[in-house]
Amino acid sequence: MSERSGPKQSHHRRRGHRQKPKGGNLPNDSHIEEQPPLDEHLRGIASLERLRDRVEVASRELRKLREENAALAARLSELESRPFLLEGETTISFDEDPEVLRRKVTGFIEAIDRYLQKEENLDEP
């Protein structure tokens, strides 16, 4: 048996809970409500704080997305105001990355220049 100082606690009573006085409610304590245990109260506060933080993050993200949406709507409006095809001009569209296409075209131009240079060298006496 363990040695304890003080009164023995009941196994059925949880720590932190107030025990109702024996003999029923007193007439003047009807306005007093039982409070949840302190640890449950603190967990509730922590949960509310986490929820508030998540709502703030979501609010900032929504604000950022609205700004981005407004910028994209302005850009779309600008693009829609331009004619897609200009009259009297030929428009070419490529699905390739512009830089890759530029390197390929430059390679072709250099190959043609080398071929033409060889042709010129053959024609010279």
N, C-alpha and C. Protein backbone atom coordinates (compact mmCIF):
# COMPACT_ATOMS: atom_id res chain seq x y z
N MET A 1 0.83 -1.17 0.00
CA MET A 1 0.00 0.00 0.00
C MET A 1 0.88 1.25 0.00
N SER A 2 0.53 2.25 -0.81
CA SER A 2 1.36 3.45 -0.88
C SER A 2 0.97 4.42 0.23
N GLU A 3 1.94 5.19 0.63
CA GLU A 3 1.68 6.16 1.69
C GLU A 3 1.40 7.50 1.05
N ARG A 4 0.28 8.09 1.43
CA ARG A 4 -0.09 9.41 0.93
C ARG A 4 -0.46 10.27 2.11
N SER A 5 -0.14 11.53 1.95
CA SER A 5 -0.59 12.44 2.98
C SER A 5 -1.87 13.09 2.47
N GLY A 6 -2.78 13.36 3.33
CA GLY A 6 -4.02 13.99 2.94
C GLY A 6 -5.11 12.97 2.72
N PRO A 7 -6.33 13.44 2.40
CA PRO A 7 -7.46 12.54 2.23
C PRO A 7 -7.33 11.69 0.98
N LYS A 8 -7.90 10.51 1.03
CA LYS A 8 -7.88 9.59 -0.10
C LYS A 8 -8.89 10.05 -1.13
N GLN A 9 -8.48 10.08 -2.42
CA GLN A 9 -9.38 10.52 -3.47
C GLN A 9 -10.13 9.34 -4.05
N SER A 10 -11.35 9.58 -4.47
CA SER A 10 -12.17 8.54 -5.08
C SER A 10 -11.63 8.23 -6.47
N HIS A 11 -11.71 6.96 -6.86
CA HIS A 11 -11.26 6.56 -8.19
C HIS A 11 -12.21 7.04 -9.28
N HIS A 12 -13.43 7.38 -8.90
CA HIS A 12 -14.45 7.77 -9.88
C HIS A 12 -14.42 9.25 -10.20
N ARG A 13 -13.74 10.04 -9.42
CA ARG A 13 -13.69 11.48 -9.62
C ARG A 13 -12.49 11.84 -10.48
N ARG A 14 -12.72 12.57 -11.58
CA ARG A 14 -11.62 13.01 -12.45
C ARG A 14 -11.00 14.25 -11.88
N ARG A 15 -9.69 14.38 -12.08
CA ARG A 15 -8.99 15.57 -11.62
C ARG A 15 -9.49 16.79 -12.33
N GLY A 16 -9.68 17.87 -11.60
CA GLY A 16 -10.08 19.11 -12.20
C GLY A 16 -11.58 19.33 -12.17
N HIS A 17 -12.37 18.29 -11.96
CA HIS A 17 -13.82 18.44 -11.91
C HIS A 17 -14.25 18.85 -10.52
N ARG A 18 -15.20 19.77 -10.48
CA ARG A 18 -15.76 20.15 -9.20
C ARG A 18 -16.80 19.13 -8.81
N GLN A 19 -16.82 18.78 -7.58
CA GLN A 19 -17.78 17.82 -7.10
C GLN A 19 -18.95 18.58 -6.50
N LYS A 20 -20.18 18.16 -6.86
CA LYS A 20 -21.34 18.82 -6.32
C LYS A 20 -21.42 18.54 -4.82
N PRO A 21 -21.82 19.55 -4.07
CA PRO A 21 -21.95 19.29 -2.64
C PRO A 21 -23.05 18.29 -2.39
N LYS A 22 -22.84 17.47 -1.39
CA LYS A 22 -23.85 16.48 -1.04
C LYS A 22 -25.03 17.20 -0.43
N GLY A 23 -26.18 16.63 -0.64
CA GLY A 23 -27.37 17.24 -0.07
C GLY A 23 -28.12 18.07 -1.09
N GLY A 24 -27.73 18.05 -2.37
CA GLY A 24 -28.45 18.76 -3.41
C GLY A 24 -27.95 20.16 -3.61
N ASN A 25 -28.63 20.86 -4.50
CA ASN A 25 -28.24 22.23 -4.82
C ASN A 25 -28.74 23.17 -3.73
N LEU A 26 -27.94 24.15 -3.47
CA LEU A 26 -28.37 25.19 -2.54
C LEU A 26 -29.23 26.17 -3.31
N PRO A 27 -30.18 26.82 -2.68
CA PRO A 27 -31.09 27.70 -3.41
C PRO A 27 -30.40 28.85 -4.10
N ASN A 28 -29.30 29.38 -3.59
CA ASN A 28 -28.69 30.55 -4.20
C ASN A 28 -27.55 30.23 -5.16
N ASP A 29 -27.24 28.94 -5.43
CA ASP A 29 -26.16 28.64 -6.37
C ASP A 29 -26.71 28.16 -7.72
N SER A 30 -27.97 28.45 -8.02
CA SER A 30 -28.55 28.04 -9.30
C SER A 30 -27.96 28.82 -10.47
N HIS A 31 -27.39 29.98 -10.23
CA HIS A 31 -26.79 30.78 -11.29
C HIS A 31 -25.37 30.34 -11.62
N ILE A 32 -24.79 29.46 -10.80
CA ILE A 32 -23.42 28.98 -11.02
C ILE A 32 -23.47 27.77 -11.94
N GLU A 33 -22.75 27.86 -13.06
CA GLU A 33 -22.66 26.73 -13.98
C GLU A 33 -21.36 26.01 -13.73
N GLU A 34 -21.40 24.70 -13.93
CA GLU A 34 -20.16 23.94 -13.78
C GLU A 34 -19.25 24.26 -14.94
N GLN A 35 -18.00 24.53 -14.67
CA GLN A 35 -17.00 24.85 -15.68
C GLN A 35 -16.30 23.57 -16.11
N PRO A 36 -15.92 23.48 -17.39
CA PRO A 36 -15.14 22.32 -17.80
C PRO A 36 -13.79 22.36 -17.10
N PRO A 37 -13.14 21.22 -17.01
CA PRO A 37 -11.81 21.20 -16.39
C PRO A 37 -10.87 22.15 -17.14
N LEU A 38 -9.89 22.65 -16.43
CA LEU A 38 -8.96 23.64 -16.98
C LEU A 38 -8.24 23.12 -18.21
N ASP A 39 -7.79 21.86 -18.20
CA ASP A 39 -7.05 21.34 -19.35
C ASP A 39 -7.94 21.28 -20.60
N GLU A 40 -9.22 20.97 -20.46
CA GLU A 40 -10.13 20.97 -21.61
C GLU A 40 -10.33 22.40 -22.10
N HIS A 41 -10.43 23.33 -21.19
CA HIS A 41 -10.60 24.74 -21.54
C HIS A 41 -9.38 25.24 -22.33
N LEU A 42 -8.18 24.89 -21.87
CA LEU A 42 -6.96 25.31 -22.55
C LEU A 42 -6.86 24.68 -23.93
N ARG A 43 -7.27 23.42 -24.05
CA ARG A 43 -7.26 22.77 -25.38
C ARG A 43 -8.23 23.47 -26.31
N GLY A 44 -9.36 23.89 -25.77
CA GLY A 44 -10.34 24.61 -26.59
C GLY A 44 -9.78 25.93 -27.07
N ILE A 45 -9.08 26.65 -26.20
CA ILE A 45 -8.46 27.91 -26.58
C ILE A 45 -7.40 27.68 -27.66
N ALA A 46 -6.58 26.65 -27.46
CA ALA A 46 -5.53 26.34 -28.45
C ALA A 46 -6.15 25.99 -29.80
N SER A 47 -7.25 25.23 -29.77
CA SER A 47 -7.93 24.87 -31.02
C SER A 47 -8.46 26.11 -31.72
N LEU A 48 -9.04 27.02 -30.96
CA LEU A 48 -9.56 28.26 -31.55
C LEU A 48 -8.43 29.10 -32.13
N GLU A 49 -7.30 29.14 -31.46
CA GLU A 49 -6.16 29.90 -31.97
C GLU A 49 -5.64 29.29 -33.27
N ARG A 50 -5.56 27.96 -33.33
CA ARG A 50 -5.12 27.30 -34.57
C ARG A 50 -6.12 27.58 -35.69
N LEU A 51 -7.40 27.52 -35.37
CA LEU A 51 -8.42 27.79 -36.37
C LEU A 51 -8.32 29.23 -36.86
N ARG A 52 -8.12 30.18 -35.94
CA ARG A 52 -7.98 31.59 -36.32
C ARG A 52 -6.77 31.76 -37.24
N ASP A 53 -5.66 31.10 -36.91
CA ASP A 53 -4.45 31.20 -37.75
C ASP A 53 -4.72 30.64 -39.14
N ARG A 54 -5.43 29.52 -39.23
CA ARG A 54 -5.72 28.93 -40.53
C ARG A 54 -6.65 29.82 -41.34
N VAL A 55 -7.61 30.46 -40.67
CA VAL A 55 -8.51 31.38 -41.36
C VAL A 55 -7.74 32.58 -41.88
N GLU A 56 -6.79 33.10 -41.10
CA GLU A 56 -5.97 34.23 -41.55
C GLU A 56 -5.14 33.85 -42.77
N VAL A 57 -4.54 32.66 -42.75
CA VAL A 57 -3.74 32.20 -43.90
C VAL A 57 -4.63 32.06 -45.13
N ALA A 58 -5.81 31.47 -44.94
CA ALA A 58 -6.74 31.30 -46.06
C ALA A 58 -7.19 32.66 -46.60
N SER A 59 -7.41 33.61 -45.71
CA SER A 59 -7.82 34.96 -46.11
C SER A 59 -6.74 35.64 -46.94
N ARG A 60 -5.48 35.53 -46.49
CA ARG A 60 -4.37 36.13 -47.25
C ARG A 60 -4.25 35.47 -48.62
N GLU A 61 -4.42 34.15 -48.68
CA GLU A 61 -4.32 33.43 -49.94
C GLU A 61 -5.45 33.85 -50.89
N LEU A 62 -6.66 34.00 -50.35
CA LEU A 62 -7.78 34.45 -51.18
C LEU A 62 -7.52 35.85 -51.73
N ARG A 63 -7.00 36.74 -50.88
CA ARG A 63 -6.69 38.10 -51.33
C ARG A 63 -5.66 38.07 -52.46
N LYS A 64 -4.63 37.22 -52.29
CA LYS A 64 -3.58 37.10 -53.31
C LYS A 64 -4.17 36.55 -54.61
N LEU A 65 -5.03 35.54 -54.51
CA LEU A 65 -5.64 34.96 -55.70
C LEU A 65 -6.57 35.95 -56.40
N ARG A 66 -7.28 36.76 -55.62
CA ARG A 66 -8.15 37.78 -56.22
C ARG A 66 -7.33 38.82 -56.98
N GLU A 67 -6.18 39.21 -56.41
CA GLU A 67 -5.31 40.17 -57.09
C GLU A 67 -4.77 39.57 -58.39
N GLU A 68 -4.35 38.31 -58.31
CA GLU A 68 -3.83 37.63 -59.50
C GLU A 68 -4.93 37.48 -60.55
N ASN A 69 -6.14 37.16 -60.10
CA ASN A 69 -7.27 37.03 -61.02
C ASN A 69 -7.57 38.35 -61.71
N ALA A 70 -7.52 39.44 -60.96
CA ALA A 70 -7.77 40.76 -61.54
C ALA A 70 -6.69 41.10 -62.58
N ALA A 71 -5.43 40.78 -62.28
CA ALA A 71 -4.34 41.05 -63.23
C ALA A 71 -4.52 40.21 -64.49
N LEU A 72 -4.91 38.94 -64.32
CA LEU A 72 -5.12 38.08 -65.50
C LEU A 72 -6.32 38.55 -66.32
N ALA A 73 -7.38 39.02 -65.65
CA ALA A 73 -8.55 39.53 -66.37
C ALA A 73 -8.17 40.77 -67.18
N ALA A 74 -7.33 41.65 -66.60
CA ALA A 74 -6.89 42.84 -67.33
C ALA A 74 -6.05 42.44 -68.54
N ARG A 75 -5.17 41.47 -68.35
CA ARG A 75 -4.31 40.99 -69.46
C ARG A 75 -5.16 40.36 -70.56
N LEU A 76 -6.14 39.57 -70.17
CA LEU A 76 -7.02 38.94 -71.15
C LEU A 76 -7.80 39.99 -71.93
N SER A 77 -8.29 40.99 -71.23
CA SER A 77 -9.02 42.07 -71.89
C SER A 77 -8.13 42.79 -72.90
N GLU A 78 -6.88 43.02 -72.51
CA GLU A 78 -5.93 43.67 -73.42
C GLU A 78 -5.69 42.82 -74.66
N LEU A 79 -5.49 41.52 -74.46
CA LEU A 79 -5.24 40.62 -75.60
C LEU A 79 -6.46 40.50 -76.50
N GLU A 80 -7.64 40.48 -75.90
CA GLU A 80 -8.86 40.37 -76.70
C GLU A 80 -9.13 41.63 -77.50
N SER A 81 -8.59 42.76 -77.07
CA SER A 81 -8.83 44.02 -77.79
C SER A 81 -7.97 44.11 -79.05
N ARG A 82 -6.91 43.31 -79.15
CA ARG A 82 -6.05 43.31 -80.34
C ARG A 82 -6.63 42.36 -81.38
N PRO A 83 -6.42 42.69 -82.63
CA PRO A 83 -6.86 41.73 -83.66
C PRO A 83 -5.96 40.49 -83.63
N PHE A 84 -6.60 39.33 -83.81
CA PHE A 84 -5.84 38.08 -83.78
C PHE A 84 -4.94 37.97 -85.00
N LEU A 85 -5.46 38.27 -86.16
CA LEU A 85 -4.68 38.22 -87.40
C LEU A 85 -4.71 39.61 -88.03
N LEU A 86 -3.57 40.04 -88.47
CA LEU A 86 -3.49 41.33 -89.14
C LEU A 86 -3.80 41.13 -90.62
N GLU A 87 -4.58 42.04 -91.19
CA GLU A 87 -4.92 41.93 -92.60
C GLU A 87 -3.68 42.16 -93.47
N GLY A 88 -3.55 41.35 -94.49
CA GLY A 88 -2.46 41.51 -95.42
C GLY A 88 -1.13 40.95 -94.93
N GLU A 89 -1.10 40.35 -93.76
CA GLU A 89 0.15 39.78 -93.23
C GLU A 89 -0.04 38.29 -92.98
N THR A 90 1.06 37.59 -93.06
CA THR A 90 1.04 36.16 -92.77
C THR A 90 1.49 35.93 -91.34
N THR A 91 0.74 35.12 -90.65
CA THR A 91 1.07 34.82 -89.26
C THR A 91 1.43 33.34 -89.16
N ILE A 92 2.55 33.08 -88.51
CA ILE A 92 2.99 31.70 -88.31
C ILE A 92 3.03 31.43 -86.82
N SER A 93 2.56 30.27 -86.46
CA SER A 93 2.56 29.90 -85.04
C SER A 93 3.31 28.58 -84.88
N PHE A 94 4.17 28.50 -83.88
CA PHE A 94 4.94 27.29 -83.60
C PHE A 94 4.63 26.82 -82.18
N ASP A 95 4.57 25.51 -82.02
CA ASP A 95 4.31 24.94 -80.70
C ASP A 95 5.59 24.78 -79.88
N GLU A 96 6.74 24.98 -80.50
CA GLU A 96 8.02 24.80 -79.84
C GLU A 96 8.36 25.97 -78.93
N ASP A 97 9.24 25.70 -77.98
CA ASP A 97 9.78 26.76 -77.13
C ASP A 97 10.52 27.75 -78.02
N PRO A 98 10.31 29.05 -77.87
CA PRO A 98 10.95 30.03 -78.75
C PRO A 98 12.48 29.94 -78.77
N GLU A 99 13.10 29.67 -77.65
CA GLU A 99 14.57 29.58 -77.61
C GLU A 99 15.07 28.37 -78.39
N VAL A 100 14.38 27.25 -78.26
CA VAL A 100 14.76 26.03 -79.01
C VAL A 100 14.61 26.29 -80.50
N LEU A 101 13.51 26.91 -80.88
CA LEU A 101 13.28 27.22 -82.29
C LEU A 101 14.35 28.17 -82.82
N ARG A 102 14.72 29.18 -82.02
CA ARG A 102 15.75 30.15 -82.42
C ARG A 102 17.08 29.42 -82.68
N ARG A 103 17.45 28.50 -81.79
CA ARG A 103 18.72 27.76 -81.98
C ARG A 103 18.68 26.91 -83.25
N LYS A 104 17.56 26.28 -83.53
CA LYS A 104 17.44 25.45 -84.74
C LYS A 104 17.57 26.31 -86.00
N VAL A 105 16.87 27.43 -86.01
CA VAL A 105 16.92 28.31 -87.19
C VAL A 105 18.33 28.86 -87.38
N THR A 106 18.98 29.24 -86.27
CA THR A 106 20.35 29.74 -86.36
C THR A 106 21.27 28.65 -86.92
N GLY A 107 21.09 27.42 -86.48
CA GLY A 107 21.88 26.29 -87.00
C GLY A 107 21.67 26.10 -88.49
N PHE A 108 20.42 26.20 -88.95
CA PHE A 108 20.13 26.06 -90.38
C PHE A 108 20.78 27.20 -91.17
N ILE A 109 20.70 28.40 -90.67
CA ILE A 109 21.30 29.56 -91.36
C ILE A 109 22.81 29.37 -91.48
N GLU A 110 23.45 28.93 -90.39
CA GLU A 110 24.90 28.72 -90.42
C GLU A 110 25.26 27.61 -91.40
N ALA A 111 24.45 26.55 -91.46
CA ALA A 111 24.72 25.46 -92.40
C ALA A 111 24.59 25.96 -93.84
N ILE A 112 23.59 26.77 -94.12
CA ILE A 112 23.40 27.31 -95.48
C ILE A 112 24.56 28.25 -95.83
N ASP A 113 24.99 29.08 -94.86
CA ASP A 113 26.12 29.98 -95.10
C ASP A 113 27.38 29.18 -95.43
N ARG A 114 27.63 28.11 -94.70
CA ARG A 114 28.82 27.28 -95.00
C ARG A 114 28.72 26.66 -96.39
N TYR A 115 27.56 26.18 -96.76
CA TYR A 115 27.35 25.59 -98.08
C TYR A 115 27.59 26.63 -99.18
N LEU A 116 27.04 27.84 -98.98
CA LEU A 116 27.23 28.89 -99.98
C LEU A 116 28.70 29.31 -100.06
N GLN A 117 29.38 29.34 -98.93
CA GLN A 117 30.81 29.70 -98.91
C GLN A 117 31.62 28.68 -99.70
N LYS A 118 31.30 27.40 -99.53
CA LYS A 118 32.00 26.36 -100.28
C LYS A 118 31.75 26.53 -101.78
N GLU A 119 30.53 26.84 -102.15
CA GLU A 119 30.17 27.04 -103.54
C GLU A 119 30.96 28.22 -104.13
N GLU A 120 31.09 29.29 -103.33
CA GLU A 120 31.85 30.46 -103.81
C GLU A 120 33.33 30.11 -103.98
N ASN A 121 33.85 29.31 -103.06
CA ASN A 121 35.26 28.92 -103.15
C ASN A 121 35.53 28.03 -104.36
N LEU A 122 34.58 27.21 -104.74
CA LEU A 122 34.73 26.33 -105.91
C LEU A 122 34.69 27.15 -107.20
N ASP A 123 33.91 28.19 -107.20
CA ASP A 123 33.79 29.03 -108.40
C ASP A 123 34.98 29.92 -108.63
N GLU A 124 35.78 30.22 -107.63
CA GLU A 124 36.92 31.09 -107.78
C GLU A 124 38.06 30.35 -108.44
N PRO A 125 38.78 31.03 -109.43
CA PRO A 125 39.92 30.36 -110.10
C PRO A 125 41.17 30.35 -109.30
